[in-house]
Amino acid sequence: MAQAAKIPVIDISSNGENETQIAKDLVEAAVEHGFIYIRNTGKDIPLEAVDGAFALARKLFAAPLSEKQACTIQQNNRGWSAMQYETLDPKNQRVGDFKEAFNFGEFIDGKAQQPIPPSIAEDESQISTFRDFCYDVTLKINTLLGIGLEVDPPEFFTNAHLRSKGPSGTTLRYLYYPPLSSTTATPSLDVRAGAHSDYGSITMLFRLKGQAGLEILTRDKTWAPVPVCPPGTENDPAPPILVNIGDLLSYWTNGLLRSTVHRVVFGGGQGSLVEGETDTEPRYSIAYFCHPVATMPLTPVPSERVRVFKGDTAAGDGGNPYAERKVLTADEHLQMRLRASYLQLYEEKNGGNS
């Protein structure tokens, strides 16, 4: 069995108790690893809401193909992407990712502002509610990061993500990865999701026990699997939520907070398995990609620790080739990354000339 990535497990559900220490622990994990396990105790997101979200994911991807095709993803990053439609590591992948995905953007009064398959129309409010739970937790994490970095004011990051200030690229994404046996993939050559760093500020990932595949690129440039339930969480009521720092938050903090490259692989190919996990069954996951308000300028963070940090983002210390890009707003950065991931989509919209 493979040596699993050593990622800290932190409980943020205490609502004010030991807040300063929790904030410091969260920052140190973000600096060193870029990934953090957040205990899923049911206090911030009800356990039944997570269970319901996974039940909906199965229902969504089992919908008739015609229903999903009618919701095909557009340049606003909303909708369904078919198997191999997205290519997260275009420089190194010979074919697209072996996964399906469905991206949900903004909801207003419980209603999606995009087409959704009729098969899940009755579940629209459930999706909206789950998205709201995720939004609230990311605001809490942003506030803790502000406290841990001694930002003045500590709500600096939180205020940049408030819905009341305008739309954002924030996305709730449902993912389905078929087992190797039902694909044309060659495990030694192909991946379920190509190596990439996330585009926004914070990502929250929900996974199911026993489902392998996720790996991170460590500081010594080796791939390490990320178990769904790390030691110490096996008896928790639900697997922990895996949180990682995205490119924008790394850029915002001059590279102090680490945006770590990761991928999803077939266990028998380029990747390796940890005890108790398998890739022989379908894999489902749910990701909440938290983005700042689209028009938000990425101004310097008012934190002394960030100001004096001398990390060399241009050298790619964290394995993130985008950290040194100079972008003006959150939306400009997002659009740059989408064009790289959805080559087929942008070529179609531009007559194949882009």
Protein backbone atom coordinates (compact mmCIF):
# COMPACT_ATOMS: atom_id res chain seq x y z
CA MET A 1 0.00 0.00 0.00
CA ALA A 2 1.09 3.55 -0.71
CA GLN A 3 2.35 6.11 1.79
CA ALA A 4 -0.54 8.51 2.23
CA ALA A 5 -0.18 12.29 2.26
CA LYS A 6 0.17 13.66 5.80
CA ILE A 7 -2.48 16.38 5.98
CA PRO A 8 -3.60 17.94 9.29
CA VAL A 9 -7.13 17.32 10.61
CA ILE A 10 -8.77 20.40 12.17
CA ASP A 11 -12.14 20.87 13.87
CA ILE A 12 -13.61 24.33 13.16
CA SER A 13 -17.06 23.62 14.58
CA SER A 14 -16.45 25.08 18.07
CA ASN A 15 -18.13 28.45 17.33
CA GLY A 16 -15.76 30.88 19.04
CA GLU A 17 -13.97 28.55 21.46
CA ASN A 18 -10.20 28.46 20.89
CA GLU A 19 -10.81 30.48 17.72
CA THR A 20 -7.35 32.07 17.66
CA GLN A 21 -5.57 28.72 17.97
CA ILE A 22 -7.81 27.08 15.38
CA ALA A 23 -7.10 29.98 13.02
CA LYS A 24 -3.35 29.62 13.51
CA ASP A 25 -3.51 25.86 12.93
CA LEU A 26 -5.54 26.42 9.77
CA VAL A 27 -3.02 28.92 8.41
CA GLU A 28 -0.02 26.70 9.16
CA ALA A 29 -1.69 23.79 7.35
CA ALA A 30 -2.44 26.07 4.38
CA VAL A 31 1.17 27.30 4.31
CA GLU A 32 2.78 23.87 4.56
CA HIS A 33 0.37 21.64 2.65
CA GLY A 34 -2.28 23.71 0.90
CA PHE A 35 -4.73 20.97 1.97
CA ILE A 36 -6.58 20.59 5.27
CA TYR A 37 -9.06 18.01 6.54
CA ILE A 38 -12.02 19.65 8.29
CA ARG A 39 -13.85 17.32 10.65
CA ASN A 40 -17.43 16.78 9.50
CA THR A 41 -19.31 16.69 12.79
CA GLY A 42 -22.66 17.74 11.39
CA LYS A 43 -22.62 21.10 13.20
CA ASP A 44 -21.87 23.29 10.17
CA ILE A 45 -23.37 21.06 7.48
CA PRO A 46 -26.00 18.52 8.58
CA LEU A 47 -24.93 14.96 7.85
CA GLU A 48 -28.26 14.25 6.17
CA ALA A 49 -27.60 17.15 3.77
CA VAL A 50 -24.34 15.52 2.66
CA ASP A 51 -26.03 12.13 2.29
CA GLY A 52 -28.80 13.76 0.28
CA ALA A 53 -26.30 15.48 -1.99
CA PHE A 54 -24.66 12.17 -2.88
CA ALA A 55 -28.05 10.54 -3.49
CA LEU A 56 -28.83 13.42 -5.85
CA ALA A 57 -25.47 12.96 -7.62
CA ARG A 58 -26.35 9.36 -8.46
CA LYS A 59 -29.76 10.45 -9.71
CA LEU A 60 -28.27 13.28 -11.76
CA PHE A 61 -25.72 11.18 -13.64
CA ALA A 62 -28.27 8.41 -14.22
CA ALA A 63 -30.53 10.90 -16.03
CA PRO A 64 -31.15 10.24 -19.73
CA LEU A 65 -28.31 11.39 -21.97
CA SER A 66 -30.63 13.71 -23.89
CA GLU A 67 -31.51 15.56 -20.67
CA LYS A 68 -27.86 16.09 -19.80
CA GLN A 69 -26.93 17.11 -23.34
CA ALA A 70 -29.60 19.81 -23.24
CA CYS A 71 -27.66 21.28 -20.30
CA THR A 72 -24.20 21.10 -21.91
CA ILE A 73 -21.67 23.37 -20.26
CA GLN A 74 -21.30 26.90 -21.65
CA GLN A 75 -18.59 29.52 -21.39
CA ASN A 76 -20.15 30.71 -18.14
CA ASN A 77 -18.90 27.41 -16.64
CA ARG A 78 -22.44 26.20 -15.90
CA GLY A 79 -23.89 22.86 -16.96
CA TRP A 80 -22.91 19.31 -17.85
CA SER A 81 -19.59 18.17 -19.27
CA ALA A 82 -19.47 14.75 -20.87
CA MET A 83 -16.87 12.05 -20.47
CA GLN A 84 -13.47 13.29 -21.72
CA TYR A 85 -14.87 16.76 -22.53
CA GLU A 86 -12.68 18.53 -19.96
CA THR A 87 -8.89 18.27 -20.06
CA LEU A 88 -7.37 19.62 -16.84
CA ASP A 89 -3.76 18.96 -17.85
CA PRO A 90 -3.77 19.60 -21.61
CA LYS A 91 0.02 19.62 -21.92
CA ASN A 92 0.37 16.09 -20.59
CA GLN A 93 -2.90 14.30 -21.37
CA ARG A 94 -3.39 12.41 -24.62
CA VAL A 95 -7.20 12.37 -24.06
CA GLY A 96 -9.66 14.20 -21.85
CA ASP A 97 -10.55 13.36 -18.26
CA PHE A 98 -12.47 10.13 -17.65
CA LYS A 99 -15.28 11.77 -15.74
CA GLU A 100 -18.64 13.48 -16.07
CA ALA A 101 -19.39 16.69 -14.20
CA PHE A 102 -22.30 19.03 -13.64
CA ASN A 103 -21.66 22.63 -12.53
CA PHE A 104 -24.29 24.63 -10.67
CA GLY A 105 -23.89 28.37 -10.43
CA GLU A 106 -26.05 30.95 -8.72
CA PHE A 107 -29.49 30.17 -7.27
CA ILE A 108 -32.07 32.90 -6.62
CA ASP A 109 -34.93 32.10 -4.25
CA GLY A 110 -34.05 28.42 -4.52
CA LYS A 111 -34.12 28.44 -8.33
CA ALA A 112 -31.15 27.66 -10.57
CA GLN A 113 -30.25 30.37 -13.08
CA GLN A 114 -29.41 27.77 -15.72
CA PRO A 115 -31.04 24.77 -17.40
CA ILE A 116 -31.22 21.61 -15.27
CA PRO A 117 -32.32 18.09 -16.25
CA PRO A 118 -36.06 17.45 -15.72
CA SER A 119 -35.13 14.31 -13.78
CA ILE A 120 -33.86 16.45 -10.90
CA ALA A 121 -36.27 19.38 -11.19
CA GLU A 122 -38.02 18.36 -7.99
CA ASP A 123 -34.67 18.49 -6.16
CA GLU A 124 -33.80 22.06 -7.18
CA SER A 125 -34.34 23.55 -3.72
CA GLN A 126 -32.25 20.78 -2.15
CA ILE A 127 -29.29 21.71 -4.36
CA SER A 128 -29.73 25.36 -3.45
CA THR A 129 -29.82 24.58 0.27
CA PHE A 130 -26.67 22.45 0.10
CA ARG A 131 -24.92 25.23 -1.80
CA ASP A 132 -25.92 27.66 0.95
CA PHE A 133 -24.44 25.37 3.62
CA CYS A 134 -21.15 25.28 1.70
CA TYR A 135 -21.17 29.06 1.25
CA ASP A 136 -21.54 29.60 5.00
CA VAL A 137 -18.65 27.25 5.81
CA THR A 138 -16.31 28.93 3.32
CA LEU A 139 -17.11 32.32 4.86
CA LYS A 140 -16.16 30.83 8.23
CA ILE A 141 -12.90 29.45 6.82
CA ASN A 142 -12.08 32.77 5.15
CA THR A 143 -12.61 34.56 8.46
CA LEU A 144 -10.37 32.08 10.30
CA LEU A 145 -7.64 32.56 7.69
CA GLY A 146 -7.90 36.31 8.20
CA ILE A 147 -7.54 35.89 11.96
CA GLY A 148 -4.64 33.45 11.59
CA LEU A 149 -2.78 35.79 9.25
CA GLU A 150 -3.55 38.77 11.51
CA VAL A 151 -5.15 40.59 8.61
CA ASP A 152 -6.53 44.04 9.40
CA PRO A 153 -9.48 43.76 9.33
CA PRO A 154 -9.72 39.98 9.87
CA GLU A 155 -12.85 39.94 7.67
CA PHE A 156 -10.80 41.06 4.64
CA PHE A 157 -11.18 37.74 2.78
CA THR A 158 -14.74 37.17 3.96
CA ASN A 159 -15.91 40.57 2.74
CA ALA A 160 -14.49 39.82 -0.71
CA HIS A 161 -16.75 36.77 -1.01
CA LEU A 162 -20.08 38.18 0.14
CA ARG A 163 -22.94 37.47 -2.26
CA SER A 164 -24.40 40.89 -1.48
CA LYS A 165 -21.47 42.50 -3.29
CA GLY A 166 -22.18 40.88 -6.65
CA PRO A 167 -21.93 37.65 -8.66
CA SER A 168 -18.90 35.39 -8.62
CA GLY A 169 -17.49 32.30 -10.26
CA THR A 170 -18.46 30.19 -7.24
CA THR A 171 -19.54 26.74 -8.42
CA LEU A 172 -21.07 23.65 -6.86
CA ARG A 173 -19.83 20.72 -8.92
CA TYR A 174 -21.10 17.14 -8.88
CA LEU A 175 -18.65 14.57 -10.29
CA TYR A 176 -18.92 11.00 -11.51
CA TYR A 177 -15.91 8.82 -12.34
CA PRO A 178 -16.76 5.44 -13.90
CA PRO A 179 -14.75 2.36 -12.91
CA LEU A 180 -11.87 1.44 -15.18
CA SER A 181 -13.71 -1.62 -16.44
CA SER A 182 -16.36 0.52 -18.15
CA THR A 183 -13.92 2.88 -19.91
CA THR A 184 -11.44 2.74 -22.77
CA ALA A 185 -8.69 4.13 -20.54
CA THR A 186 -5.18 2.77 -20.33
CA PRO A 187 -4.29 3.17 -16.62
CA SER A 188 -0.59 3.70 -17.22
CA LEU A 189 -1.31 6.55 -19.66
CA ASP A 190 -4.67 8.06 -18.75
CA VAL A 191 -6.16 9.76 -15.71
CA ARG A 192 -9.60 10.39 -14.30
CA ALA A 193 -8.79 14.09 -13.76
CA GLY A 194 -5.57 15.66 -14.97
CA ALA A 195 -3.03 17.33 -12.71
CA HIS A 196 -4.14 20.86 -11.85
CA SER A 197 -4.44 23.46 -9.14
CA ASP A 198 -7.85 24.95 -8.40
CA TYR A 199 -8.76 28.32 -9.81
CA GLY A 200 -10.45 30.19 -6.96
CA SER A 201 -9.85 30.86 -3.30
CA ILE A 202 -10.97 27.77 -1.41
CA THR A 203 -12.30 24.37 -2.50
CA MET A 204 -14.34 22.06 -0.26
CA LEU A 205 -14.43 18.44 -1.40
CA PHE A 206 -16.88 15.81 -0.18
CA ARG A 207 -16.03 12.13 -0.78
CA LEU A 208 -17.41 8.72 0.08
CA LYS A 209 -15.64 6.13 2.21
CA GLY A 210 -13.58 3.59 0.34
CA GLN A 211 -13.40 5.47 -2.97
CA ALA A 212 -9.79 5.94 -4.04
CA GLY A 213 -8.18 8.15 -6.64
CA LEU A 214 -7.16 11.58 -5.32
CA GLU A 215 -3.45 12.38 -5.13
CA ILE A 216 -1.47 15.54 -4.33
CA LEU A 217 1.95 16.60 -5.56
CA THR A 218 4.17 16.89 -2.50
CA ARG A 219 7.00 19.36 -1.97
CA ASP A 220 9.52 16.72 -3.10
CA LYS A 221 7.60 16.41 -6.40
CA THR A 222 6.18 12.96 -5.75
CA TRP A 223 2.51 11.94 -5.87
CA ALA A 224 0.87 10.87 -2.61
CA PRO A 225 -2.66 9.48 -2.24
CA VAL A 226 -5.11 11.38 -0.05
CA PRO A 227 -7.26 8.93 1.93
CA VAL A 228 -10.93 9.73 2.40
CA CYS A 229 -10.70 8.98 6.14
CA PRO A 230 -7.25 9.75 7.57
CA PRO A 231 -6.14 8.24 10.90
CA GLY A 232 -8.22 9.51 13.78
CA THR A 233 -11.39 10.07 11.74
CA GLU A 234 -12.42 6.48 11.09
CA ASN A 235 -15.15 6.62 13.73
CA ASP A 236 -16.42 10.11 12.93
CA PRO A 237 -20.07 10.27 11.81
CA ALA A 238 -18.94 11.15 8.28
CA PRO A 239 -15.67 11.49 6.35
CA PRO A 240 -13.96 14.85 6.85
CA ILE A 241 -14.36 17.61 4.30
CA LEU A 242 -11.14 18.11 2.37
CA VAL A 243 -10.32 21.79 1.94
CA ASN A 244 -7.61 23.16 -0.32
CA ILE A 245 -6.23 26.57 -1.15
CA GLY A 246 -6.80 27.78 -4.71
CA ASP A 247 -4.68 29.93 -7.00
CA LEU A 248 -6.37 33.21 -6.17
CA LEU A 249 -5.78 32.89 -2.44
CA SER A 250 -2.20 31.84 -3.11
CA TYR A 251 -1.70 34.82 -5.43
CA TRP A 252 -3.41 37.13 -2.96
CA THR A 253 -0.98 36.08 -0.20
CA ASN A 254 2.15 36.30 -2.40
CA GLY A 255 2.39 32.51 -2.41
CA LEU A 256 2.39 32.18 1.39
CA LEU A 257 -0.74 30.02 1.31
CA ARG A 258 0.00 27.10 -0.98
CA SER A 259 -2.08 26.15 -3.99
CA THR A 260 -1.18 22.49 -4.39
CA VAL A 261 -1.37 20.53 -7.62
CA HIS A 262 -3.56 17.42 -7.45
CA ARG A 263 -5.13 14.81 -9.73
CA VAL A 264 -7.47 11.80 -9.77
CA VAL A 265 -6.00 8.56 -11.09
CA PHE A 266 -6.79 4.91 -11.68
CA GLY A 267 -5.25 2.98 -8.80
CA GLY A 268 -3.77 0.26 -10.97
CA GLY A 269 -2.03 2.69 -13.32
CA GLN A 270 -0.07 5.83 -12.46
CA GLY A 271 -1.52 5.93 -8.96
CA SER A 272 -1.51 3.71 -5.91
CA LEU A 273 -4.08 2.77 -3.30
CA VAL A 274 -4.27 3.20 0.45
CA GLU A 275 -5.62 0.50 2.73
CA GLY A 276 -9.38 0.16 2.69
CA GLU A 277 -9.91 2.01 -0.61
CA THR A 278 -10.60 0.75 -4.12
CA ASP A 279 -11.16 2.11 -7.61
CA THR A 280 -13.19 -0.83 -8.91
CA GLU A 281 -16.52 0.89 -8.21
CA PRO A 282 -17.94 4.16 -9.58
CA ARG A 283 -16.51 7.19 -7.77
CA TYR A 284 -18.68 10.15 -6.82
CA SER A 285 -17.48 13.40 -5.31
CA ILE A 286 -18.88 16.89 -4.76
CA ALA A 287 -16.74 20.01 -4.91
CA TYR A 288 -17.65 23.53 -3.87
CA PHE A 289 -15.34 26.03 -5.57
CA CYS A 290 -15.38 29.31 -3.66
CA HIS A 291 -14.50 32.43 -5.66
CA PRO A 292 -14.34 36.10 -4.72
CA VAL A 293 -16.82 38.54 -6.21
CA ALA A 294 -15.97 38.66 -9.94
CA THR A 295 -15.03 42.35 -10.01
CA MET A 296 -12.89 42.14 -6.87
CA PRO A 297 -9.40 43.57 -7.48
CA LEU A 298 -6.67 41.40 -6.01
CA THR A 299 -5.17 44.14 -3.88
CA PRO A 300 -2.36 43.41 -1.38
CA VAL A 301 -3.53 41.62 1.76
CA PRO A 302 -3.15 43.91 4.80
CA SER A 303 -1.11 41.37 6.78
CA GLU A 304 2.44 41.83 8.01
CA ARG A 305 3.19 38.12 7.59
CA VAL A 306 2.09 38.26 3.97
CA ARG A 307 4.00 41.50 3.36
CA VAL A 308 7.35 40.14 4.58
CA PHE A 309 6.99 36.70 3.00
CA LYS A 310 9.74 36.13 0.44
CA GLY A 311 8.58 32.93 -1.17
CA ASP A 312 9.54 32.43 -4.79
CA THR A 313 6.25 31.75 -6.54
CA ALA A 314 7.93 32.19 -9.92
CA ALA A 315 10.10 29.16 -9.16
CA GLY A 316 6.98 27.09 -8.70
CA ASP A 317 7.80 26.03 -5.13
CA GLY A 318 4.26 24.81 -4.65
CA GLY A 319 4.06 23.22 -8.07
CA ASN A 320 1.58 25.89 -9.18
CA PRO A 321 2.56 27.44 -12.54
CA TYR A 322 -0.22 30.05 -12.32
CA ALA A 323 0.70 31.63 -8.99
CA GLU A 324 2.94 34.26 -10.57
CA ARG A 325 0.42 35.37 -13.22
CA LYS A 326 -0.52 39.03 -12.85
CA VAL A 327 -4.29 39.33 -13.02
CA LEU A 328 -6.45 42.28 -12.12
CA THR A 329 -9.70 40.71 -11.01
CA ALA A 330 -11.03 37.38 -9.86
CA ASP A 331 -13.02 36.93 -13.07
CA GLU A 332 -10.05 37.57 -15.37
CA HIS A 333 -8.11 34.81 -13.67
CA LEU A 334 -11.03 32.39 -13.89
CA GLN A 335 -11.57 33.01 -17.59
CA MET A 336 -7.89 32.37 -18.32
CA ARG A 337 -8.05 28.98 -16.63
CA LEU A 338 -11.34 27.94 -18.21
CA ARG A 339 -9.98 28.55 -21.69
CA ALA A 340 -7.11 26.18 -20.96
CA SER A 341 -9.36 23.44 -19.55
CA TYR A 342 -12.18 23.56 -22.11
CA LEU A 343 -10.32 23.84 -25.40
CA GLN A 344 -13.11 22.07 -27.27
CA LEU A 345 -15.79 24.39 -25.91
CA TYR A 346 -13.95 27.58 -26.82
CA GLU A 347 -12.99 26.27 -30.25
CA GLU A 348 -16.64 25.44 -30.95
CA LYS A 349 -17.80 28.92 -29.91
CA ASN A 350 -15.15 30.61 -32.00
CA GLY A 351 -15.51 28.54 -35.13
CA GLY A 352 -12.44 26.45 -34.36
CA ASN A 353 -10.11 29.40 -34.75
CA SER A 354 -9.13 30.05 -31.14
